[in-house]
Protein backbone atom coordinates (compact mmCIF):
# COMPACT_ATOMS: atom_id res chain seq x y z
CA MET A 1 38.65 31.01 -46.56
CA LYS A 2 37.63 28.28 -44.13
CA LYS A 3 35.88 30.93 -42.06
CA TYR A 4 33.77 32.05 -45.04
CA ALA A 5 33.02 28.45 -45.96
CA LEU A 6 31.83 27.79 -42.41
CA VAL A 7 29.62 30.88 -42.46
CA PHE A 8 28.18 29.85 -45.82
CA LEU A 9 27.50 26.34 -44.53
CA CYS A 10 25.72 27.72 -41.46
CA PHE A 11 23.60 29.95 -43.71
CA ILE A 12 22.57 26.93 -45.80
CA VAL A 13 21.69 24.89 -42.72
CA PHE A 14 19.76 27.80 -41.20
CA SER A 15 17.90 28.43 -44.46
CA SER A 16 17.14 24.74 -44.74
CA CYS A 17 15.74 24.69 -41.21
CA LYS A 18 13.62 27.77 -41.93
CA ASN A 19 12.31 26.20 -45.13
CA SER A 20 11.61 23.01 -43.20
CA GLU A 21 9.64 24.99 -40.63
CA LYS A 22 7.72 26.74 -43.40
CA THR A 23 6.93 23.38 -44.98
CA LYS A 24 5.75 22.10 -41.62
CA GLU A 25 3.54 25.16 -41.21
CA ILE A 26 2.02 24.61 -44.65
CA ILE A 27 1.32 20.95 -43.89
CA VAL A 28 -0.27 21.82 -40.57
CA SER A 29 -2.40 24.55 -42.13
CA LYS A 30 -3.61 22.11 -44.78
CA ILE A 31 -4.53 19.59 -42.12
CA GLU A 32 -6.37 22.22 -40.13
CA LYS A 33 -8.14 23.52 -43.22
CA LYS A 34 -10.75 20.76 -43.06
CA GLU A 35 -13.96 22.61 -42.34
CA ILE A 36 -16.30 22.18 -39.39
CA TYR A 37 -19.90 23.29 -39.90
CA THR A 38 -22.36 23.99 -37.09
CA ILE A 39 -26.14 24.20 -36.86
CA SER A 40 -28.18 24.96 -33.75
CA ASN A 41 -31.64 25.68 -32.40
CA ASP A 42 -33.03 26.47 -28.96
CA SER A 43 -32.37 22.89 -27.80
CA ILE A 44 -29.19 21.48 -29.35
CA THR A 45 -26.04 22.41 -31.25
CA VAL A 46 -24.53 20.00 -33.77
CA SER A 47 -21.17 20.21 -35.55
CA VAL A 48 -19.93 18.14 -38.50
CA LYS A 49 -16.53 17.89 -40.19
CA SER A 50 -16.27 17.99 -43.97
CA PHE A 51 -13.64 15.24 -43.77
CA GLY A 52 -15.61 12.02 -43.71
CA ALA A 53 -18.82 14.05 -43.18
CA GLU A 54 -18.15 12.99 -39.61
CA LEU A 55 -20.31 14.17 -36.74
CA THR A 56 -18.04 15.88 -34.21
CA SER A 57 -20.35 17.37 -31.55
CA ILE A 58 -23.85 17.05 -30.12
CA LYS A 59 -24.47 19.53 -27.32
CA LYS A 60 -27.52 20.33 -25.23
CA ALA A 61 -26.87 23.37 -23.04
CA SER A 62 -23.24 22.82 -22.02
CA LYS A 63 -23.34 19.00 -22.02
CA GLU A 64 -21.36 17.26 -24.76
CA TYR A 65 -22.94 13.91 -25.64
CA LEU A 66 -20.63 12.85 -28.46
CA TRP A 67 -17.26 11.25 -27.79
CA GLN A 68 -14.51 13.81 -28.49
CA GLY A 69 -11.90 11.53 -30.01
CA ASN A 70 -9.22 11.26 -27.33
CA PRO A 71 -6.51 9.24 -29.16
CA GLU A 72 -5.55 7.52 -25.92
CA PHE A 73 -8.69 5.42 -26.43
CA TRP A 74 -10.00 6.04 -29.98
CA LYS A 75 -9.24 9.05 -32.16
CA HIS A 76 -12.47 8.91 -34.19
CA GLN A 77 -15.98 10.00 -33.27
CA SER A 78 -18.66 8.95 -35.73
CA PRO A 79 -17.26 7.59 -39.00
CA ILE A 80 -19.48 6.84 -42.00
CA LEU A 81 -19.07 3.20 -43.04
CA PHE A 82 -19.29 2.89 -46.85
CA PRO A 83 -19.22 0.94 -49.15
CA ILE A 84 -18.56 -1.89 -46.69
CA VAL A 85 -19.17 -2.40 -43.00
CA GLY A 86 -16.47 -4.20 -41.04
CA ARG A 87 -13.67 -6.34 -42.42
CA LEU A 88 -13.23 -8.36 -45.61
CA VAL A 89 -11.51 -11.73 -45.73
CA ASP A 90 -7.85 -10.85 -46.44
CA HIS A 91 -8.97 -7.23 -46.96
CA ASP A 92 -10.04 -7.92 -50.55
CA TYR A 93 -12.97 -9.11 -52.65
CA ASN A 94 -13.76 -10.31 -56.17
CA PHE A 95 -16.11 -8.70 -58.66
CA LYS A 96 -16.44 -9.72 -62.33
CA ASN A 97 -13.29 -11.85 -62.13
CA LYS A 98 -11.18 -9.00 -60.78
CA ASN A 99 -9.72 -8.65 -57.31
CA TYR A 100 -9.97 -5.40 -55.34
CA LYS A 101 -8.31 -4.38 -52.07
CA MET A 102 -10.35 -2.50 -49.49
CA ASN A 103 -9.61 -1.82 -45.86
CA PHE A 104 -11.83 -1.98 -42.77
CA HIS A 105 -15.13 -0.03 -43.08
CA GLY A 106 -14.42 1.19 -46.64
CA PHE A 107 -13.17 4.62 -47.71
CA ALA A 108 -15.91 7.21 -47.06
CA TRP A 109 -14.67 7.90 -43.53
CA LYS A 110 -11.24 8.74 -45.00
CA SER A 111 -12.57 11.01 -47.77
CA GLU A 112 -13.21 14.73 -48.06
CA PHE A 113 -16.91 15.43 -48.66
CA ASN A 114 -18.36 18.54 -50.28
CA LEU A 115 -20.95 20.56 -48.41
CA ILE A 116 -23.71 20.98 -51.01
CA LYS A 117 -26.46 22.49 -48.85
CA LYS A 118 -26.66 24.36 -45.56
CA THR A 119 -29.77 25.73 -43.88
CA GLN A 120 -30.45 26.91 -40.35
CA LYS A 121 -31.35 23.39 -39.32
CA SER A 122 -29.57 21.09 -41.81
CA LEU A 123 -26.25 20.19 -43.43
CA THR A 124 -25.91 18.01 -46.54
CA PHE A 125 -22.59 16.53 -47.66
CA GLU A 126 -21.79 14.66 -50.86
CA LEU A 127 -19.15 12.17 -51.97
CA LEU A 128 -18.62 11.11 -55.60
CA PRO A 129 -16.23 8.56 -57.12
CA SER A 130 -12.57 9.54 -57.38
CA GLU A 131 -9.42 8.06 -58.85
CA ASN A 132 -8.66 6.59 -55.44
CA SER A 133 -12.14 5.13 -54.92
CA ARG A 134 -12.20 3.49 -58.36
CA LYS A 135 -9.02 1.57 -57.57
CA GLN A 136 -10.83 -0.24 -54.77
CA TYR A 137 -14.49 0.07 -55.77
CA PRO A 138 -15.39 -0.11 -59.50
CA PHE A 139 -18.85 1.42 -59.21
CA GLU A 140 -20.43 4.75 -60.00
CA PHE A 141 -22.28 6.20 -57.02
CA LYS A 142 -23.51 9.34 -55.34
CA LEU A 143 -23.41 9.32 -51.54
CA GLN A 144 -25.12 12.07 -49.56
CA ILE A 145 -25.17 12.44 -45.78
CA GLU A 146 -27.74 14.82 -44.33
CA TYR A 147 -27.87 16.06 -40.73
CA VAL A 148 -31.14 17.67 -39.61
CA ILE A 149 -32.01 19.06 -36.17
CA ASN A 150 -35.57 19.29 -34.88
CA GLY A 151 -35.99 20.22 -31.23
CA ASN A 152 -33.75 17.92 -29.20
CA ILE A 153 -33.46 15.37 -32.01
CA LEU A 154 -30.71 14.95 -34.61
CA ASP A 155 -31.70 12.99 -37.72
CA VAL A 156 -28.92 11.42 -39.79
CA ASN A 157 -30.02 10.56 -43.34
CA TYR A 158 -28.12 8.37 -45.79
CA PHE A 159 -28.85 8.69 -49.51
CA VAL A 160 -27.12 6.41 -52.01
CA GLU A 161 -27.83 6.87 -55.71
CA ASN A 162 -26.86 4.60 -58.58
CA PRO A 163 -26.25 6.88 -61.59
CA ALA A 164 -25.17 4.02 -63.88
CA GLU A 165 -27.15 3.21 -66.99
CA ASN A 166 -26.92 -0.58 -66.83
CA GLU A 167 -24.87 -1.71 -63.80
CA ASP A 168 -26.29 -2.65 -60.41
CA LEU A 169 -24.64 -0.95 -57.44
CA TYR A 170 -23.49 -3.22 -54.60
CA PHE A 171 -22.80 -1.56 -51.26
CA SER A 172 -23.23 -1.53 -47.51
CA ILE A 173 -23.58 1.52 -45.29
CA GLY A 174 -23.69 2.17 -41.58
CA GLY A 175 -23.18 4.59 -38.72
CA HIS A 176 -20.59 4.46 -35.94
CA PRO A 177 -21.51 7.26 -33.49
CA ALA A 178 -19.71 7.05 -30.15
CA PHE A 179 -21.06 8.73 -27.01
CA ASN A 180 -19.48 9.89 -23.79
CA ILE A 181 -19.96 7.54 -20.87
CA PRO A 182 -20.21 8.41 -18.05
CA LEU A 183 -22.15 11.58 -18.74
CA LYS A 184 -21.95 12.95 -15.20
CA ASN A 185 -19.05 13.37 -12.82
CA GLY A 186 -18.81 10.72 -10.15
CA GLN A 187 -20.50 8.03 -12.23
CA GLN A 188 -18.86 4.88 -13.63
CA ARG A 189 -19.23 3.18 -17.00
CA ASP A 190 -20.41 -0.07 -15.43
CA GLU A 191 -23.33 1.75 -13.78
CA TYR A 192 -24.93 2.28 -17.18
CA GLN A 193 -27.22 0.07 -19.21
CA LEU A 194 -28.86 0.15 -22.62
CA VAL A 195 -32.62 -0.29 -22.42
CA PHE A 196 -34.13 -1.44 -25.71
CA ASP A 197 -37.69 -1.10 -26.98
CA ASN A 198 -38.73 -4.74 -26.55
CA ASP A 199 -37.96 -7.77 -24.41
CA SER A 200 -35.81 -9.63 -26.93
CA THR A 201 -32.59 -11.29 -25.79
CA PRO A 202 -30.59 -11.65 -29.01
CA THR A 203 -27.23 -13.36 -28.99
CA SER A 204 -24.14 -11.64 -30.36
CA ARG A 205 -22.34 -13.26 -33.24
CA ASP A 206 -18.78 -14.29 -32.40
CA LYS A 207 -15.72 -13.17 -34.35
CA GLU A 208 -12.14 -14.20 -35.04
CA SER A 209 -9.80 -11.41 -36.13
CA GLY A 210 -12.79 -9.24 -37.01
CA LEU A 211 -14.50 -11.91 -39.15
CA PHE A 212 -17.70 -13.70 -38.15
CA VAL A 213 -17.80 -17.35 -37.18
CA ASP A 214 -20.86 -19.55 -36.76
CA THR A 215 -21.17 -19.36 -32.97
CA TYR A 216 -23.02 -16.91 -30.72
CA THR A 217 -22.72 -15.51 -27.17
CA GLN A 218 -25.48 -14.30 -24.86
CA PHE A 219 -24.87 -10.95 -23.12
CA PHE A 220 -28.43 -10.16 -21.95
CA GLU A 221 -29.14 -11.05 -18.32
CA LYS A 222 -32.59 -9.43 -18.47
CA PRO A 223 -34.92 -9.21 -21.49
CA GLY A 224 -34.32 -6.02 -23.45
CA ILE A 225 -31.68 -4.64 -21.05
CA LEU A 226 -27.94 -4.76 -21.74
CA GLN A 227 -25.90 -4.06 -18.61
CA ILE A 228 -22.51 -2.56 -19.49
CA LYS A 229 -19.83 -4.45 -17.61
CA ASP A 230 -16.04 -4.35 -17.57
CA SER A 231 -16.11 -7.69 -19.40
CA THR A 232 -18.71 -6.79 -22.05
CA PHE A 233 -16.28 -5.74 -24.78
CA ILE A 234 -13.36 -8.09 -24.09
CA GLU A 235 -13.89 -9.76 -27.49
CA GLY A 236 -14.80 -6.55 -29.34
CA ALA A 237 -18.16 -5.35 -30.61
CA LEU A 238 -21.46 -7.03 -29.87
CA VAL A 239 -23.33 -7.57 -33.14
CA PHE A 240 -27.04 -8.34 -33.24
CA ASN A 241 -27.47 -10.22 -36.46
CA PRO A 242 -30.35 -9.96 -37.17
CA ASN A 243 -31.33 -6.88 -35.17
CA PRO A 244 -34.68 -7.20 -33.32
CA PHE A 245 -34.72 -3.65 -31.93
CA SER A 246 -35.82 -0.19 -33.11
CA LYS A 247 -34.23 1.98 -30.42
CA ALA A 248 -31.99 1.99 -27.35
CA THR A 249 -31.85 4.39 -24.39
CA LEU A 250 -28.73 4.96 -22.29
CA VAL A 251 -29.74 4.83 -18.62
CA HIS A 252 -27.75 5.35 -15.41
CA LYS A 253 -29.07 2.40 -13.41
CA PRO A 254 -28.56 3.72 -9.81
CA THR A 255 -30.43 6.98 -10.50
CA LYS A 256 -32.63 5.72 -13.38
CA GLU A 257 -31.68 8.89 -15.28
CA GLU A 258 -32.05 8.68 -19.06
CA PHE A 259 -29.47 10.55 -21.15
CA PHE A 260 -30.28 9.85 -24.80
CA THR A 261 -32.14 7.50 -27.12
CA ILE A 262 -30.85 6.37 -30.49
CA HIS A 263 -33.58 5.33 -32.95
CA PHE A 264 -32.62 2.87 -35.70
CA LYS A 265 -35.85 1.33 -37.00
CA ASP A 266 -35.47 -1.05 -39.98
CA PHE A 267 -31.68 -1.36 -39.74
CA PRO A 268 -31.01 -5.10 -40.19
CA TYR A 269 -27.87 -5.10 -38.03
CA VAL A 270 -26.73 -3.21 -34.94
CA GLY A 271 -23.31 -3.17 -33.30
CA ILE A 272 -22.52 -2.09 -29.72
CA TRP A 273 -18.85 -1.36 -29.13
CA SER A 274 -16.29 0.08 -26.76
CA GLN A 275 -12.66 -0.68 -26.06
CA LYS A 276 -12.01 -3.63 -23.76
CA ASP A 277 -10.22 -1.36 -21.26
CA PRO A 278 -12.88 -0.78 -18.53
CA LYS A 279 -11.66 2.81 -18.21
CA THR A 280 -12.73 3.58 -21.79
CA PRO A 281 -15.09 6.59 -21.51
CA PHE A 282 -17.30 5.99 -24.55
CA ILE A 283 -19.78 3.59 -26.08
CA ALA A 284 -20.62 3.31 -29.79
CA ILE A 285 -24.11 2.32 -30.94
CA GLU A 286 -23.91 1.42 -34.62
CA PRO A 287 -26.87 0.87 -36.99
CA TRP A 288 -25.81 -0.96 -40.15
CA TYR A 289 -26.98 -2.12 -43.55
CA GLY A 290 -24.22 -4.71 -43.82
CA VAL A 291 -21.71 -6.64 -41.72
CA ALA A 292 -18.18 -8.01 -41.79
CA ASP A 293 -17.44 -11.14 -43.81
CA ASN A 294 -17.92 -14.62 -42.46
CA ILE A 295 -14.55 -16.30 -42.04
CA HIS A 296 -15.58 -18.84 -44.72
CA HIS A 297 -16.82 -16.29 -47.28
CA ASN A 298 -15.61 -16.96 -50.83
CA LYS A 299 -14.84 -13.23 -51.44
CA GLU A 300 -17.51 -12.82 -54.14
CA PHE A 301 -18.78 -9.29 -53.54
CA THR A 302 -22.26 -9.93 -54.95
CA LEU A 303 -22.73 -12.75 -52.41
CA LYS A 304 -21.45 -10.85 -49.38
CA GLU A 305 -23.77 -11.03 -46.36
CA GLY A 306 -25.79 -7.86 -45.89
CA ILE A 307 -24.85 -6.40 -49.28
CA GLN A 308 -27.43 -3.99 -50.73
CA ILE A 309 -28.27 -4.10 -54.43
CA LEU A 310 -29.36 -0.85 -56.06
CA LYS A 311 -30.69 -0.93 -59.61
CA PRO A 312 -29.60 1.67 -62.20
CA LYS A 313 -31.02 5.17 -61.65
CA LYS A 314 -32.50 4.16 -58.29
CA GLU A 315 -31.90 5.68 -54.85
CA PHE A 316 -31.51 4.10 -51.41
CA HIS A 317 -32.47 6.00 -48.26
CA SER A 318 -32.10 5.13 -44.59
CA SER A 319 -31.89 7.16 -41.40
CA PHE A 320 -31.29 6.98 -37.69
CA SER A 321 -31.75 9.66 -35.05
CA VAL A 322 -30.30 10.70 -31.70
CA GLU A 323 -32.64 12.19 -29.10
CA VAL A 324 -30.86 13.86 -26.17
CA TYR A 325 -32.41 14.65 -22.78
């Protein structure tokens, strides 16, 4: 009798393990089911994930320009920042006498988008309000992200629509594309520099725990040229607030070789970021319509610095582009 009981017990355990493995397989398959869409022409190939409408590859010939998300340094690649950019004081805000919780950079980058249009040279993704979004953001909205290739240029278009009849839409939006650096074997990160389109020397606004304070630091040693050093990102991202530039080109200083230019005309803020570890092999160049809270902000969402106000039935459009060489 004990023998049969033991056999029966083993069968249950074995079946349980098999079911567990099946469950694991199902979970994995669901994770892997997130789609990746690709467009290409004679110059470049671009791929985008449906999850977060996140850019995942920019290739010219066999060269990959976009950071590939090594989790040892940073597992993301090019998140969409919406409906906030950066951090809120205490991770919450007030609107119409109600308090709402929202984490760093909002929720779009953690949401599944729908592909609503695909052509030979473009991809358009859409995000609409959900039960989850309404818990943290009590607004109606339509967010569309469009990727268009033209020669060696990728255009990234942001469209925000306010479908409400009477309510204004308050939001921020921004890009966070990260690029491989170095882009050639044998080169070092600190041999690179960002060359901007004018001779401004803006200061970067200082932060405490991701929130802005009212002091600034100078990182430019030469007008319009930001040399990337091991110490540049010790305190986190550099934020030009306001942004005086329209474009930046990544240049390998010893050889003077140019690798790409990112165009961000009319964006009021720009962040430049990498991990403080000098071995970090990427740099993010981030055009924004919005910024993190000031440490003294009173949490009123309508008074948040950089917040955009969109009237009912109106549409907001902005774009930046990446030109690879």
